[in-house]
Amino acid sequence: MRRLAIVCTAVLAASVTIATGAQSALAATSSGSASVHAKAPAQWHPETAGSQAGFSFTIDPKTHTMRVNDITSLVQVRNAKGQLVSSGRMAHLSTLTGRAARAALARLPRKGLGSFNCIVDVQQNSRFKAYTPIIQHGHGPSWQLSYNFNPYSVDNARIVQGAYTFQVETCVTGGGNTKNWWHQWYNDGTTTASPVGRVHRIGWTWGTTPYASSGLPTSLSFQVSAGPVTINASDFAANQDTFTGLLGSDGNFSPKGWRGSWNNNRTSGQYISPNTYPWDGSNLFEGNDHQNLWEEPENSGFVHGYAASFMRAFCATAPGTQCVPY
């Protein structure tokens, strides 16, 4: 059998996840309907902060093309009392697609599965389609956040209730780090698919246990009737805190636009650390990978989605001292 291996290198080797969701979900947060913060971690921290970025996209099953729509971001800083000090869009955010994304991937080191890769293994399946990855990177004076979103699809994947289905899967890899006495305690890459068009989540996975040789490995296969299509991924793990995932709503970030049925198709891969004391958290590069697999009846129309990444951090200087700008 002939194999086709496609390596998608991301900033933080995550697993495969399908990124789809509400087009204006993240934009709603800037108007006050949601917040980067679920709640300030503790009184020990003079300031807490959060960064998030995302985009909506549309996949056309007929033309096998993907379009990136809204690009949104938000950065917030709060004082020790939880009061909002500043709020606005990322001053430095890039979202690379098409040739720019392929050029950026070519410049990244390729060191195997343990170096932020999404690897696709295809055996005699001509219905498989790999779309151009989307790379989103934002940074500020004391933080950076980078994620790579890799979408795939398969036509006529299987027969369900007498009809063929169309499946979409996305491999999301990424993470971020802080400096200047800022410690991150939460990092999340998340995706959700529109419930319109009878799109349902039928598979998911995320990294849980770091391995020295391969980071946070995961594997997820399309549910096809013939010709295996499997995506193997890994995410770098610099710390030994909690690496986990979540289905549905997330208390650390719950945009108004993702309520109800949107959360039914949502999957997240997370890095979580204690956040009470100044020595908690991490200033190393942390993140996680996850994979998400959706299905709809063939010829049902567009698949609308949303992908986003989030970081939570706190200033680790002593109370009463001034924090370096986040």
C-alpha atoms as a PDB file:
ATOM      1  CA  MET A   1       0.000   0.000   0.000  1.00  0.00           C
ATOM      2  CA  ARG A   2       1.132   3.487  -0.763  1.00  0.00           C
ATOM      3  CA  ARG A   3       1.317   5.974   2.090  1.00  0.00           C
ATOM      4  CA  LEU A   4       1.160   9.730   1.931  1.00  0.00           C
ATOM      5  CA  ALA A   5       2.647  11.544   4.898  1.00  0.00           C
ATOM      6  CA  ILE A   6       1.898  15.221   5.343  1.00  0.00           C
ATOM      7  CA  VAL A   7       3.733  17.018   8.129  1.00  0.00           C
ATOM      8  CA  CYS A   8       2.147  20.186   9.502  1.00  0.00           C
ATOM      9  CA  THR A   9       4.562  21.918  11.852  1.00  0.00           C
ATOM     10  CA  ALA A  10       3.039  24.205  14.441  1.00  0.00           C
ATOM     11  CA  VAL A  11       4.484  26.410  17.107  1.00  0.00           C
ATOM     12  CA  LEU A  12       3.453  23.930  19.778  1.00  0.00           C
ATOM     13  CA  ALA A  13       2.747  20.501  18.379  1.00  0.00           C
ATOM     14  CA  ALA A  14      -0.878  19.936  19.187  1.00  0.00           C
ATOM     15  CA  SER A  15      -3.221  17.213  18.170  1.00  0.00           C
ATOM     16  CA  VAL A  16      -5.800  17.262  15.466  1.00  0.00           C
ATOM     17  CA  THR A  17      -8.824  19.386  16.097  1.00  0.00           C
ATOM     18  CA  ILE A  18     -11.482  20.779  13.900  1.00  0.00           C
ATOM     19  CA  ALA A  19     -11.759  24.481  14.295  1.00  0.00           C
ATOM     20  CA  THR A  20     -15.141  25.896  13.619  1.00  0.00           C
ATOM     21  CA  GLY A  21     -17.543  28.206  15.391  1.00  0.00           C
ATOM     22  CA  ALA A  22     -19.479  31.440  15.668  1.00  0.00           C
ATOM     23  CA  GLN A  23     -18.101  34.173  13.448  1.00  0.00           C
ATOM     24  CA  SER A  24     -18.656  36.966  15.944  1.00  0.00           C
ATOM     25  CA  ALA A  25     -18.155  35.032  19.168  1.00  0.00           C
ATOM     26  CA  LEU A  26     -14.838  36.507  20.196  1.00  0.00           C
ATOM     27  CA  ALA A  27     -15.761  39.948  18.945  1.00  0.00           C
ATOM     28  CA  ALA A  28     -18.608  39.931  21.416  1.00  0.00           C
ATOM     29  CA  THR A  29     -16.165  39.874  24.311  1.00  0.00           C
ATOM     30  CA  SER A  30     -14.809  43.315  23.503  1.00  0.00           C
ATOM     31  CA  SER A  31     -18.249  44.809  23.966  1.00  0.00           C
ATOM     32  CA  GLY A  32     -18.488  43.531  27.511  1.00  0.00           C
ATOM     33  CA  SER A  33     -20.693  40.464  27.038  1.00  0.00           C
ATOM     34  CA  ALA A  34     -17.851  38.196  28.082  1.00  0.00           C
ATOM     35  CA  SER A  35     -14.423  38.557  29.616  1.00  0.00           C
ATOM     36  CA  VAL A  36     -10.935  37.184  29.240  1.00  0.00           C
ATOM     37  CA  HIS A  37     -11.042  36.550  32.987  1.00  0.00           C
ATOM     38  CA  ALA A  38     -13.319  34.115  34.735  1.00  0.00           C
ATOM     39  CA  LYS A  39     -12.069  35.578  38.026  1.00  0.00           C
ATOM     40  CA  ALA A  40      -8.872  37.044  39.436  1.00  0.00           C
ATOM     41  CA  PRO A  41      -6.690  34.177  40.777  1.00  0.00           C
ATOM     42  CA  ALA A  42      -5.801  35.527  44.231  1.00  0.00           C
ATOM     43  CA  GLN A  43      -4.998  38.567  46.348  1.00  0.00           C
ATOM     44  CA  TRP A  44      -1.288  37.717  46.164  1.00  0.00           C
ATOM     45  CA  HIS A  45      -1.095  39.036  42.630  1.00  0.00           C
ATOM     46  CA  PRO A  46      -0.868  42.803  42.038  1.00  0.00           C
ATOM     47  CA  GLU A  47      -2.193  42.313  38.505  1.00  0.00           C
ATOM     48  CA  THR A  48      -3.717  39.548  36.412  1.00  0.00           C
ATOM     49  CA  ALA A  49      -4.020  39.454  32.644  1.00  0.00           C
ATOM     50  CA  GLY A  50      -5.451  37.498  29.745  1.00  0.00           C
ATOM     51  CA  SER A  51      -4.819  37.295  26.000  1.00  0.00           C
ATOM     52  CA  GLN A  52      -6.992  35.682  23.362  1.00  0.00           C
ATOM     53  CA  ALA A  53      -7.080  35.527  19.582  1.00  0.00           C
ATOM     54  CA  GLY A  54      -9.215  33.689  17.086  1.00  0.00           C
ATOM     55  CA  PHE A  55     -10.847  33.575  13.687  1.00  0.00           C
ATOM     56  CA  SER A  56     -13.892  32.139  12.000  1.00  0.00           C
ATOM     57  CA  PHE A  57     -13.696  30.050   8.859  1.00  0.00           C
ATOM     58  CA  THR A  58     -15.872  28.373   6.278  1.00  0.00           C
ATOM     59  CA  ILE A  59     -15.178  25.103   4.455  1.00  0.00           C
ATOM     60  CA  ASP A  60     -16.965  24.463   1.152  1.00  0.00           C
ATOM     61  CA  PRO A  61     -17.342  20.692   0.617  1.00  0.00           C
ATOM     62  CA  LYS A  62     -18.074  21.110  -3.108  1.00  0.00           C
ATOM     63  CA  THR A  63     -14.972  23.131  -4.046  1.00  0.00           C
ATOM     64  CA  HIS A  64     -12.765  21.847  -1.193  1.00  0.00           C
ATOM     65  CA  THR A  65     -11.744  25.375  -0.302  1.00  0.00           C
ATOM     66  CA  MET A  66     -11.510  27.123   3.047  1.00  0.00           C
ATOM     67  CA  ARG A  67     -12.022  30.822   3.707  1.00  0.00           C
ATOM     68  CA  VAL A  68     -10.910  32.715   6.822  1.00  0.00           C
ATOM     69  CA  ASN A  69     -13.495  35.286   7.866  1.00  0.00           C
ATOM     70  CA  ASP A  70     -13.421  37.427  11.013  1.00  0.00           C
ATOM     71  CA  ILE A  71     -10.110  37.785  12.887  1.00  0.00           C
ATOM     72  CA  THR A  72     -10.526  38.933  16.478  1.00  0.00           C
ATOM     73  CA  SER A  73      -8.395  39.478  19.580  1.00  0.00           C
ATOM     74  CA  LEU A  74      -8.589  40.847  23.104  1.00  0.00           C
ATOM     75  CA  VAL A  75      -6.060  41.685  25.840  1.00  0.00           C
ATOM     76  CA  GLN A  76      -7.149  42.649  29.357  1.00  0.00           C
ATOM     77  CA  VAL A  77      -5.327  43.554  32.570  1.00  0.00           C
ATOM     78  CA  ARG A  78      -6.920  43.750  36.022  1.00  0.00           C
ATOM     79  CA  ASN A  79      -5.639  44.974  39.379  1.00  0.00           C
ATOM     80  CA  ALA A  80      -5.530  43.024  42.646  1.00  0.00           C
ATOM     81  CA  LYS A  81      -9.189  43.850  43.323  1.00  0.00           C
ATOM     82  CA  GLY A  82     -10.235  42.418  39.968  1.00  0.00           C
ATOM     83  CA  GLN A  83     -10.989  45.841  38.506  1.00  0.00           C
ATOM     84  CA  LEU A  84     -10.328  46.309  34.810  1.00  0.00           C
ATOM     85  CA  VAL A  85      -7.175  48.385  34.201  1.00  0.00           C
ATOM     86  CA  SER A  86      -6.964  48.098  30.424  1.00  0.00           C
ATOM     87  CA  SER A  87      -8.797  46.320  27.623  1.00  0.00           C
ATOM     88  CA  GLY A  88      -8.295  46.304  23.873  1.00  0.00           C
ATOM     89  CA  ARG A  89      -7.217  44.384  20.810  1.00  0.00           C
ATOM     90  CA  MET A  90      -3.760  42.886  20.388  1.00  0.00           C
ATOM     91  CA  ALA A  91      -1.374  45.513  19.077  1.00  0.00           C
ATOM     92  CA  HIS A  92       0.739  42.819  17.433  1.00  0.00           C
ATOM     93  CA  LEU A  93      -1.245  39.999  15.842  1.00  0.00           C
ATOM     94  CA  SER A  94      -0.571  38.141  12.602  1.00  0.00           C
ATOM     95  CA  THR A  95      -2.804  35.541  10.963  1.00  0.00           C
ATOM     96  CA  LEU A  96      -1.021  33.763   8.123  1.00  0.00           C
ATOM     97  CA  THR A  97      -2.871  31.795   5.452  1.00  0.00           C
ATOM     98  CA  GLY A  98      -2.098  30.488   1.978  1.00  0.00           C
ATOM     99  CA  ARG A  99       1.445  31.080   0.703  1.00  0.00           C
ATOM    100  CA  ALA A 100       2.432  33.064   3.786  1.00  0.00           C
ATOM    101  CA  ALA A 101       1.513  30.144   6.060  1.00  0.00           C
ATOM    102  CA  ARG A 102       3.350  27.619   3.880  1.00  0.00           C
ATOM    103  CA  ALA A 103       6.451  29.836   3.854  1.00  0.00           C
ATOM    104  CA  ALA A 104       6.333  30.193   7.637  1.00  0.00           C
ATOM    105  CA  LEU A 105       6.026  26.436   8.094  1.00  0.00           C
ATOM    106  CA  ALA A 106       8.997  25.856   5.801  1.00  0.00           C
ATOM    107  CA  ARG A 107      11.151  28.007   8.075  1.00  0.00           C
ATOM    108  CA  LEU A 108      10.294  26.046  11.212  1.00  0.00           C
ATOM    109  CA  PRO A 109      12.545  23.143  12.265  1.00  0.00           C
ATOM    110  CA  ARG A 110      11.172  19.694  11.521  1.00  0.00           C
ATOM    111  CA  LYS A 111      12.447  17.322  14.171  1.00  0.00           C
ATOM    112  CA  GLY A 112       9.813  14.623  14.120  1.00  0.00           C
ATOM    113  CA  LEU A 113       6.606  13.968  15.993  1.00  0.00           C
ATOM    114  CA  GLY A 114       7.867  15.516  19.218  1.00  0.00           C
ATOM    115  CA  SER A 115       8.396  18.949  17.704  1.00  0.00           C
ATOM    116  CA  PHE A 116       4.927  20.354  17.228  1.00  0.00           C
ATOM    117  CA  ASN A 117       3.864  18.320  14.207  1.00  0.00           C
ATOM    118  CA  CYS A 118       0.546  17.143  12.832  1.00  0.00           C
ATOM    119  CA  ILE A 119       1.349  14.085  10.741  1.00  0.00           C
ATOM    120  CA  VAL A 120      -1.209  12.623   8.380  1.00  0.00           C
ATOM    121  CA  ASP A 121      -1.018   8.985   7.298  1.00  0.00           C
ATOM    122  CA  VAL A 122      -3.188   8.159   4.277  1.00  0.00           C
ATOM    123  CA  GLN A 123      -3.503   4.711   2.691  1.00  0.00           C
ATOM    124  CA  GLN A 124      -5.219   4.661  -0.703  1.00  0.00           C
ATOM    125  CA  ASN A 125      -7.866   7.274   0.018  1.00  0.00           C
ATOM    126  CA  SER A 126      -8.287   9.771  -2.799  1.00  0.00           C
ATOM    127  CA  ARG A 127     -11.167  11.491  -1.013  1.00  0.00           C
ATOM    128  CA  PHE A 128      -8.848  12.998   1.599  1.00  0.00           C
ATOM    129  CA  LYS A 129      -8.138  16.758   1.453  1.00  0.00           C
ATOM    130  CA  ALA A 130      -5.510  18.690   3.437  1.00  0.00           C
ATOM    131  CA  TYR A 131      -6.107  22.441   3.581  1.00  0.00           C
ATOM    132  CA  THR A 132      -3.437  25.100   4.014  1.00  0.00           C
ATOM    133  CA  PRO A 133      -2.659  25.552   7.723  1.00  0.00           C
ATOM    134  CA  ILE A 134      -3.520  28.801   9.465  1.00  0.00           C
ATOM    135  CA  ILE A 135      -0.870  30.265  11.768  1.00  0.00           C
ATOM    136  CA  GLN A 136      -1.892  32.872  14.318  1.00  0.00           C
ATOM    137  CA  HIS A 137       0.685  34.663  16.464  1.00  0.00           C
ATOM    138  CA  GLY A 138       0.283  37.531  18.900  1.00  0.00           C
ATOM    139  CA  HIS A 139       2.651  39.128  21.379  1.00  0.00           C
ATOM    140  CA  GLY A 140       3.022  41.957  23.857  1.00  0.00           C
ATOM    141  CA  PRO A 141       5.775  43.337  26.130  1.00  0.00           C
ATOM    142  CA  SER A 142       5.665  40.309  28.460  1.00  0.00           C
ATOM    143  CA  TRP A 143       3.916  37.501  26.555  1.00  0.00           C
ATOM    144  CA  GLN A 144       3.499  35.671  23.269  1.00  0.00           C
ATOM    145  CA  LEU A 145       0.833  33.275  22.031  1.00  0.00           C
ATOM    146  CA  SER A 146       1.160  31.129  18.895  1.00  0.00           C
ATOM    147  CA  TYR A 147      -1.074  28.449  17.420  1.00  0.00           C
ATOM    148  CA  ASN A 148      -1.179  26.434  14.207  1.00  0.00           C
ATOM    149  CA  PHE A 149      -4.560  25.231  12.907  1.00  0.00           C
ATOM    150  CA  ASN A 150      -4.513  22.367  10.387  1.00  0.00           C
ATOM    151  CA  PRO A 151      -7.878  21.437   8.770  1.00  0.00           C
ATOM    152  CA  TYR A 152      -8.588  18.239   6.816  1.00  0.00           C
ATOM    153  CA  SER A 153     -11.659  16.648   5.243  1.00  0.00           C
ATOM    154  CA  VAL A 154     -12.866  13.421   3.649  1.00  0.00           C
ATOM    155  CA  ASP A 155     -15.708  13.131   1.104  1.00  0.00           C
ATOM    156  CA  ASN A 156     -18.123  10.195   1.197  1.00  0.00           C
ATOM    157  CA  ALA A 157     -16.512   9.078   4.419  1.00  0.00           C
ATOM    158  CA  ARG A 158     -19.083   6.467   5.380  1.00  0.00           C
ATOM    159  CA  ILE A 159     -22.764   5.614   5.009  1.00  0.00           C
ATOM    160  CA  VAL A 160     -25.023   6.626   7.890  1.00  0.00           C
ATOM    161  CA  GLN A 161     -28.759   5.934   7.670  1.00  0.00           C
ATOM    162  CA  GLY A 162     -28.441   5.160   3.970  1.00  0.00           C
ATOM    163  CA  ALA A 163     -26.529   8.318   2.984  1.00  0.00           C
ATOM    164  CA  TYR A 164     -22.868   9.302   2.621  1.00  0.00           C
ATOM    165  CA  THR A 165     -21.306  11.749   5.076  1.00  0.00           C
ATOM    166  CA  PHE A 166     -18.696  14.532   4.882  1.00  0.00           C
ATOM    167  CA  GLN A 167     -16.134  14.675   7.700  1.00  0.00           C
ATOM    168  CA  VAL A 168     -13.890  17.541   8.812  1.00  0.00           C
ATOM    169  CA  GLU A 169     -10.998  17.271  11.244  1.00  0.00           C
ATOM    170  CA  THR A 170      -8.554  19.881  12.492  1.00  0.00           C
ATOM    171  CA  CYS A 171      -5.172  19.453  14.122  1.00  0.00           C
ATOM    172  CA  VAL A 172      -4.417  22.341  16.475  1.00  0.00           C
ATOM    173  CA  THR A 173      -0.968  22.807  17.965  1.00  0.00           C
ATOM    174  CA  GLY A 174       0.341  25.720  19.964  1.00  0.00           C
ATOM    175  CA  GLY A 175       0.969  27.504  23.214  1.00  0.00           C
ATOM    176  CA  GLY A 176       2.726  30.522  24.641  1.00  0.00           C
ATOM    177  CA  ASN A 177       5.091  31.887  27.234  1.00  0.00           C
ATOM    178  CA  THR A 178       5.576  34.919  29.468  1.00  0.00           C
ATOM    179  CA  LYS A 179       8.509  36.930  30.866  1.00  0.00           C
ATOM    180  CA  ASN A 180       9.289  39.970  33.065  1.00  0.00           C
ATOM    181  CA  TRP A 181       7.940  38.307  36.215  1.00  0.00           C
ATOM    182  CA  TRP A 182       4.659  37.398  34.555  1.00  0.00           C
ATOM    183  CA  HIS A 183       3.662  33.722  34.985  1.00  0.00           C
ATOM    184  CA  GLN A 184       1.059  32.003  32.846  1.00  0.00           C
ATOM    185  CA  TRP A 185      -1.172  29.492  34.594  1.00  0.00           C
ATOM    186  CA  TYR A 186      -3.627  28.635  31.840  1.00  0.00           C
ATOM    187  CA  ASN A 187      -3.226  28.073  28.099  1.00  0.00           C
ATOM    188  CA  ASP A 188      -5.929  26.746  25.817  1.00  0.00           C
ATOM    189  CA  GLY A 189      -6.489  26.093  22.137  1.00  0.00           C
ATOM    190  CA  THR A 190     -10.165  25.523  21.383  1.00  0.00           C
ATOM    191  CA  THR A 191     -12.435  24.930  18.394  1.00  0.00           C
ATOM    192  CA  THR A 192     -16.151  24.626  17.806  1.00  0.00           C
ATOM    193  CA  ALA A 193     -18.359  23.857  14.819  1.00  0.00           C
ATOM    194  CA  SER A 194     -21.631  25.447  13.840  1.00  0.00           C
ATOM    195  CA  PRO A 195     -24.639  23.266  14.632  1.00  0.00           C
ATOM    196  CA  VAL A 196     -26.269  24.553  11.428  1.00  0.00           C
ATOM    197  CA  GLY A 197     -26.392  21.892   8.692  1.00  0.00           C
ATOM    198  CA  ARG A 198     -26.558  18.962  11.107  1.00  0.00           C
ATOM    199  CA  VAL A 199     -22.857  19.096  11.970  1.00  0.00           C
ATOM    200  CA  HIS A 200     -22.034  16.798  14.880  1.00  0.00           C
ATOM    201  CA  ARG A 201     -18.835  16.016  16.776  1.00  0.00           C
ATOM    202  CA  ILE A 202     -18.056  12.306  16.434  1.00  0.00           C
ATOM    203  CA  GLY A 203     -14.457  12.159  17.653  1.00  0.00           C
ATOM    204  CA  TRP A 204     -11.959  14.059  19.791  1.00  0.00           C
ATOM    205  CA  THR A 205      -8.725  13.709  21.729  1.00  0.00           C
ATOM    206  CA  TRP A 206      -6.156  15.845  23.594  1.00  0.00           C
ATOM    207  CA  GLY A 207      -2.736  15.465  25.188  1.00  0.00           C
ATOM    208  CA  THR A 208      -2.644  14.266  28.788  1.00  0.00           C
ATOM    209  CA  THR A 209       0.691  12.681  29.691  1.00  0.00           C
ATOM    210  CA  PRO A 210       4.011  14.196  28.525  1.00  0.00           C
ATOM    211  CA  TYR A 211       6.681  11.852  27.184  1.00  0.00           C
ATOM    212  CA  ALA A 212      10.300  12.920  26.935  1.00  0.00           C
ATOM    213  CA  SER A 213      10.655  11.711  23.343  1.00  0.00           C
ATOM    214  CA  SER A 214       7.364  12.892  21.883  1.00  0.00           C
ATOM    215  CA  GLY A 215       5.853  15.618  24.055  1.00  0.00           C
ATOM    216  CA  LEU A 216       2.077  15.175  24.343  1.00  0.00           C
ATOM    217  CA  PRO A 217       1.203  12.625  21.638  1.00  0.00           C
ATOM    218  CA  THR A 218      -2.322  12.050  20.350  1.00  0.00           C
ATOM    219  CA  SER A 219      -3.864  10.145  17.468  1.00  0.00           C
ATOM    220  CA  LEU A 220      -7.288  10.422  15.842  1.00  0.00           C
ATOM    221  CA  SER A 221      -8.674   8.742  12.736  1.00  0.00           C
ATOM    222  CA  PHE A 222     -11.425   9.728  10.342  1.00  0.00           C
ATOM    223  CA  GLN A 223     -14.303   7.276  10.570  1.00  0.00           C
ATOM    224  CA  VAL A 224     -14.186   6.062   6.986  1.00  0.00           C
ATOM    225  CA  SER A 225     -15.468   2.893   5.369  1.00  0.00           C
ATOM    226  CA  ALA A 226     -12.258   2.230   3.393  1.00  0.00           C
ATOM    227  CA  GLY A 227      -8.731   3.585   3.177  1.00  0.00           C
ATOM    228  CA  PRO A 228      -7.399   4.559   6.644  1.00  0.00           C
ATOM    229  CA  VAL A 229      -6.773   8.238   7.347  1.00  0.00           C
ATOM    230  CA  THR A 230      -5.068   8.836  10.690  1.00  0.00           C
ATOM    231  CA  ILE A 231      -3.614  12.050  12.088  1.00  0.00           C
ATOM    232  CA  ASN A 232      -0.908  11.767  14.735  1.00  0.00           C
ATOM    233  CA  ALA A 233       0.140  14.838  16.660  1.00  0.00           C
ATOM    234  CA  SER A 234       2.187  15.973  19.618  1.00  0.00           C
ATOM    235  CA  ASP A 235       2.615  19.081  21.706  1.00  0.00           C
ATOM    236  CA  PHE A 236       5.674  20.287  23.556  1.00  0.00           C
ATOM    237  CA  ALA A 237       5.481  20.037  27.357  1.00  0.00           C
ATOM    238  CA  ALA A 238       8.024  22.095  29.292  1.00  0.00           C
ATOM    239  CA  ASN A 239       6.355  21.774  32.676  1.00  0.00           C
ATOM    240  CA  GLN A 240       4.871  18.985  34.765  1.00  0.00           C
ATOM    241  CA  ASP A 241       1.634  20.721  35.664  1.00  0.00           C
ATOM    242  CA  THR A 242      -1.750  19.546  34.382  1.00  0.00           C
ATOM    243  CA  PHE A 243      -2.267  18.826  30.685  1.00  0.00           C
ATOM    244  CA  THR A 244      -5.868  18.042  29.956  1.00  0.00           C
ATOM    245  CA  GLY A 245      -8.837  18.883  27.757  1.00  0.00           C
ATOM    246  CA  LEU A 246     -12.489  19.750  27.885  1.00  0.00           C
ATOM    247  CA  LEU A 247     -15.690  19.166  25.937  1.00  0.00           C
ATOM    248  CA  GLY A 248     -18.284  21.920  25.877  1.00  0.00           C
ATOM    249  CA  SER A 249     -18.263  25.178  27.833  1.00  0.00           C
ATOM    250  CA  ASP A 250     -15.194  26.418  29.679  1.00  0.00           C
ATOM    251  CA  GLY A 251     -15.340  28.535  32.839  1.00  0.00           C
ATOM    252  CA  ASN A 252     -12.129  30.339  31.897  1.00  0.00           C
ATOM    253  CA  PHE A 253     -13.612  31.558  28.632  1.00  0.00           C
ATOM    254  CA  SER A 254     -17.239  31.377  27.593  1.00  0.00           C
ATOM    255  CA  PRO A 255     -18.161  33.871  24.840  1.00  0.00           C
ATOM    256  CA  LYS A 256     -21.829  34.717  24.604  1.00  0.00           C
ATOM    257  CA  GLY A 257     -21.881  33.520  20.987  1.00  0.00           C
ATOM    258  CA  TRP A 258     -20.797  30.011  22.004  1.00  0.00           C
ATOM    259  CA  ARG A 259     -23.664  29.281  24.361  1.00  0.00           C
ATOM    260  CA  GLY A 260     -26.189  26.520  23.819  1.00  0.00           C
ATOM    261  CA  SER A 261     -25.716  24.274  20.800  1.00  0.00           C
ATOM    262  CA  TRP A 262     -22.350  25.831  19.868  1.00  0.00           C
ATOM    263  CA  ASN A 263     -20.811  24.274  22.980  1.00  0.00           C
ATOM    264  CA  ASN A 264     -22.029  20.844  21.897  1.00  0.00           C
ATOM    265  CA  ASN A 265     -19.321  20.777  19.204  1.00  0.00           C
ATOM    266  CA  ARG A 266     -16.553  22.435  21.214  1.00  0.00           C
ATOM    267  CA  THR A 267     -13.280  20.731  22.197  1.00  0.00           C
ATOM    268  CA  SER A 268     -10.300  22.251  24.033  1.00  0.00           C
ATOM    269  CA  GLY A 269      -6.721  21.197  24.822  1.00  0.00           C
ATOM    270  CA  GLN A 270      -5.397  22.853  27.975  1.00  0.00           C
ATOM    271  CA  TYR A 271      -2.366  23.540  30.145  1.00  0.00           C
ATOM    272  CA  ILE A 272      -3.370  24.385  33.736  1.00  0.00           C
ATOM    273  CA  SER A 273      -1.206  25.295  36.726  1.00  0.00           C
ATOM    274  CA  PRO A 274      -1.948  26.383  40.312  1.00  0.00           C
ATOM    275  CA  ASN A 275      -2.295  30.171  40.449  1.00  0.00           C
ATOM    276  CA  THR A 276      -2.423  31.165  44.119  1.00  0.00           C
ATOM    277  CA  TYR A 277       1.164  32.008  45.029  1.00  0.00           C
ATOM    278  CA  PRO A 278       3.886  34.018  43.225  1.00  0.00           C
ATOM    279  CA  TRP A 279       5.900  30.868  42.562  1.00  0.00           C
ATOM    280  CA  ASP A 280       2.982  29.152  40.831  1.00  0.00           C
ATOM    281  CA  GLY A 281       2.574  29.111  37.070  1.00  0.00           C
ATOM    282  CA  SER A 282       5.306  29.065  34.459  1.00  0.00           C
ATOM    283  CA  ASN A 283       7.315  31.445  32.307  1.00  0.00           C
ATOM    284  CA  LEU A 284       8.274  28.598  29.949  1.00  0.00           C
ATOM    285  CA  PHE A 285       6.553  27.760  26.682  1.00  0.00           C
ATOM    286  CA  GLU A 286       3.424  25.796  27.620  1.00  0.00           C
ATOM    287  CA  GLY A 287       0.420  24.525  25.731  1.00  0.00           C
ATOM    288  CA  ASN A 288      -1.443  21.443  24.633  1.00  0.00           C
ATOM    289  CA  ASP A 289      -2.794  19.801  21.518  1.00  0.00           C
ATOM    290  CA  HIS A 290      -6.217  18.527  20.674  1.00  0.00           C
ATOM    291  CA  GLN A 291      -8.083  16.980  17.765  1.00  0.00           C
ATOM    292  CA  ASN A 292     -11.706  17.403  16.817  1.00  0.00           C
ATOM    293  CA  LEU A 293     -13.720  15.450  14.225  1.00  0.00           C
ATOM    294  CA  TRP A 294     -17.098  16.610  12.894  1.00  0.00           C
ATOM    295  CA  GLU A 295     -19.523  15.001  10.487  1.00  0.00           C
ATOM    296  CA  GLU A 296     -22.499  16.122   8.430  1.00  0.00           C
ATOM    297  CA  PRO A 297     -24.521  14.486   5.631  1.00  0.00           C
ATOM    298  CA  GLU A 298     -22.851  14.813   2.235  1.00  0.00           C
ATOM    299  CA  ASN A 299     -24.072  17.851   0.237  1.00  0.00           C
ATOM    300  CA  SER A 300     -25.441  19.566   3.355  1.00  0.00           C
ATOM    301  CA  GLY A 301     -23.655  22.819   2.615  1.00  0.00           C
ATOM    302  CA  PHE A 302     -20.861  24.827   4.190  1.00  0.00           C
ATOM    303  CA  VAL A 303     -19.187  23.917   7.472  1.00  0.00           C
ATOM    304  CA  HIS A 304     -18.821  27.073   9.563  1.00  0.00           C
ATOM    305  CA  GLY A 305     -16.302  27.087  12.353  1.00  0.00           C
ATOM    306  CA  TYR A 306     -14.336  29.067  14.873  1.00  0.00           C
ATOM    307  CA  ALA A 307     -10.871  28.533  16.354  1.00  0.00           C
ATOM    308  CA  ALA A 308      -9.336  30.437  19.231  1.00  0.00           C
ATOM    309  CA  SER A 309      -6.447  30.425  21.703  1.00  0.00           C
ATOM    310  CA  PHE A 310      -6.325  31.798  25.236  1.00  0.00           C
ATOM    311  CA  MET A 311      -3.701  32.592  27.857  1.00  0.00           C
ATOM    312  CA  ARG A 312      -4.137  33.573  31.517  1.00  0.00           C
ATOM    313  CA  ALA A 313      -1.276  35.062  33.532  1.00  0.00           C
ATOM    314  CA  PHE A 314      -0.499  36.908  36.759  1.00  0.00           C
ATOM    315  CA  CYS A 315       2.206  39.317  37.846  1.00  0.00           C
ATOM    316  CA  ALA A 316       4.515  37.442  40.232  1.00  0.00           C
ATOM    317  CA  THR A 317       6.175  40.441  41.878  1.00  0.00           C
ATOM    318  CA  ALA A 318       5.614  41.145  45.558  1.00  0.00           C
ATOM    319  CA  PRO A 319       2.445  43.026  46.588  1.00  0.00           C
ATOM    320  CA  GLY A 320       3.001  46.759  46.523  1.00  0.00           C
ATOM    321  CA  THR A 321       5.614  46.618  43.781  1.00  0.00           C
ATOM    322  CA  GLN A 322       4.982  47.779  40.231  1.00  0.00           C
ATOM    323  CA  CYS A 323       4.468  45.218  37.496  1.00  0.00           C
ATOM    324  CA  VAL A 324       6.176  45.423  34.135  1.00  0.00           C
ATOM    325  CA  PRO A 325       3.547  46.121  31.432  1.00  0.00           C
ATOM    326  CA  TYR A 326       1.873  42.934  30.312  1.00  0.00           C
END
